[in-house]
Amino acid sequence: MRKFTLSMRLITACTFIVGIICTFIGPKTVPTHFNGLGTIDATSGPLAFLAEGAIVVIFGELVILWAKWRRKKDATSDINMIMYKELYMIFFTGIIAVVVLITMWQQMHGIAG
């Protein structure tokens, strides 16, 4: 369970740290929504980057809680390795983190996706 928890927290912490950095070095006005034509139609302050990182952290912690519950239910708490379904959750969380990082990059540069 420690390996899984470490992996999840590493992914979420990296995303959150990038969010903190973007909060300080990013623009004062952050685009938060683009319409169908690619023009900005909603903006926010730089704390939007922090919120995006926090969402990934909250998701990661919920996944860790799910894994603990699942291991307790299956009586596999003593096994010190990443289980098959946990590996999927690490992969899925990594994809979410990459999507959030790409979104942050687009917001930093005002580029529509």
Protein backbone atom coordinates (compact mmCIF):
# COMPACT_ATOMS: atom_id res chain seq x y z
CA MET A 1 0.00 0.00 0.00
CA ARG A 2 2.92 2.33 0.64
CA LYS A 3 4.13 2.10 -2.95
CA PHE A 4 0.68 2.92 -4.26
CA THR A 5 0.21 5.83 -1.86
CA LEU A 6 3.67 7.19 -2.69
CA SER A 7 2.97 6.95 -6.43
CA MET A 8 -0.37 8.71 -6.12
CA ARG A 9 0.94 11.46 -3.90
CA LEU A 10 3.94 12.02 -6.15
CA ILE A 11 1.68 12.53 -9.18
CA THR A 12 -0.69 14.84 -7.35
CA ALA A 13 2.07 16.80 -5.60
CA CYS A 14 3.84 17.52 -8.88
CA THR A 15 0.62 18.84 -10.39
CA PHE A 16 -0.07 20.97 -7.32
CA ILE A 17 3.47 22.38 -7.31
CA VAL A 18 3.13 23.35 -10.97
CA GLY A 19 -0.17 25.03 -10.04
CA ILE A 20 1.56 27.02 -7.30
CA ILE A 21 4.34 28.07 -9.68
CA CYS A 22 1.82 29.10 -12.34
CA THR A 23 -0.08 31.12 -9.75
CA PHE A 24 2.98 33.28 -9.15
CA ILE A 25 4.45 33.52 -12.65
CA GLY A 26 1.24 33.34 -14.65
CA PRO A 27 -0.75 36.20 -16.12
CA LYS A 28 -3.02 38.34 -13.96
CA THR A 29 -6.02 37.35 -16.07
CA VAL A 30 -6.36 33.64 -16.80
CA PRO A 31 -8.70 32.38 -19.53
CA THR A 32 -10.99 29.73 -18.08
CA HIS A 33 -13.27 29.03 -21.03
CA PHE A 34 -13.02 29.17 -24.80
CA ASN A 35 -16.06 29.18 -27.08
CA GLY A 36 -16.44 27.03 -30.18
CA LEU A 37 -14.52 29.52 -32.31
CA GLY A 38 -11.51 29.46 -29.99
CA THR A 39 -11.98 32.91 -28.51
CA ILE A 40 -11.83 33.51 -24.78
CA ASP A 41 -15.25 34.11 -23.26
CA ALA A 42 -14.52 33.70 -19.53
CA THR A 43 -11.56 34.71 -17.38
CA SER A 44 -10.43 34.36 -13.79
CA GLY A 45 -7.57 35.36 -11.56
CA PRO A 46 -4.31 33.44 -11.17
CA LEU A 47 -5.75 31.37 -8.32
CA ALA A 48 -7.44 29.26 -11.00
CA PHE A 49 -4.11 27.44 -11.40
CA LEU A 50 -4.08 26.64 -7.70
CA ALA A 51 -7.66 25.36 -7.88
CA GLU A 52 -6.80 23.03 -10.76
CA GLY A 53 -3.90 21.56 -8.81
CA ALA A 54 -6.09 21.20 -5.72
CA ILE A 55 -8.70 19.29 -7.71
CA VAL A 56 -6.07 16.73 -8.73
CA VAL A 57 -4.89 16.42 -5.11
CA ILE A 58 -8.45 15.86 -3.87
CA PHE A 59 -9.03 13.25 -6.58
CA GLY A 60 -5.78 11.49 -5.66
CA GLU A 61 -6.65 11.37 -1.97
CA LEU A 62 -10.09 9.97 -2.77
CA VAL A 63 -8.47 7.25 -4.87
CA ILE A 64 -6.13 6.41 -1.98
CA LEU A 65 -9.12 6.14 0.36
CA TRP A 66 -10.86 3.89 -2.17
CA ALA A 67 -7.79 1.66 -2.39
CA LYS A 68 -7.55 1.38 1.40
CA TRP A 69 -11.23 0.46 1.58
CA ARG A 70 -10.84 -2.06 -1.22
CA ARG A 71 -7.84 -3.70 0.42
CA LYS A 72 -9.63 -3.91 3.74
CA LYS A 73 -12.66 -5.44 2.03
CA ASP A 74 -10.53 -7.99 0.15
CA ALA A 75 -8.29 -8.69 3.18
CA THR A 76 -5.17 -7.75 1.21
CA SER A 77 -3.94 -4.95 3.48
CA ASP A 78 -0.76 -6.84 4.37
CA ILE A 79 0.45 -7.22 0.78
CA ASN A 80 3.15 -4.64 0.12
CA MET A 81 2.81 -4.34 -3.63
CA ILE A 82 0.68 -2.42 -6.08
CA MET A 83 -2.43 -4.40 -6.93
CA TYR A 84 -3.75 -4.68 -10.47
CA LYS A 85 -6.68 -2.27 -10.04
CA GLU A 86 -4.47 0.20 -8.21
CA LEU A 87 -2.15 0.27 -11.19
CA TYR A 88 -5.10 1.33 -13.33
CA MET A 89 -5.88 4.11 -10.86
CA ILE A 90 -2.27 5.34 -10.96
CA PHE A 91 -2.43 5.41 -14.75
CA PHE A 92 -5.82 7.16 -14.74
CA THR A 93 -4.62 9.76 -12.22
CA GLY A 94 -1.54 10.34 -14.35
CA ILE A 95 -3.74 11.00 -17.38
CA ILE A 96 -5.84 13.46 -15.38
CA ALA A 97 -2.67 15.19 -14.17
CA VAL A 98 -1.37 15.50 -17.75
CA VAL A 99 -4.68 16.94 -18.94
CA VAL A 100 -4.63 19.48 -16.10
CA LEU A 101 -1.01 20.40 -16.88
CA ILE A 102 -1.86 20.89 -20.56
CA THR A 103 -4.82 23.03 -19.53
CA MET A 104 -2.56 25.14 -17.31
CA TRP A 105 -0.12 25.58 -20.19
CA GLN A 106 -2.93 26.65 -22.51
CA GLN A 107 -4.20 29.10 -19.92
CA MET A 108 -0.72 30.54 -19.43
CA HIS A 109 -0.46 31.25 -23.14
CA GLY A 110 -4.13 31.99 -23.90
CA ILE A 111 -4.38 29.18 -26.44
CA ALA A 112 -7.67 27.43 -27.20
CA GLY A 113 -7.54 23.63 -27.24
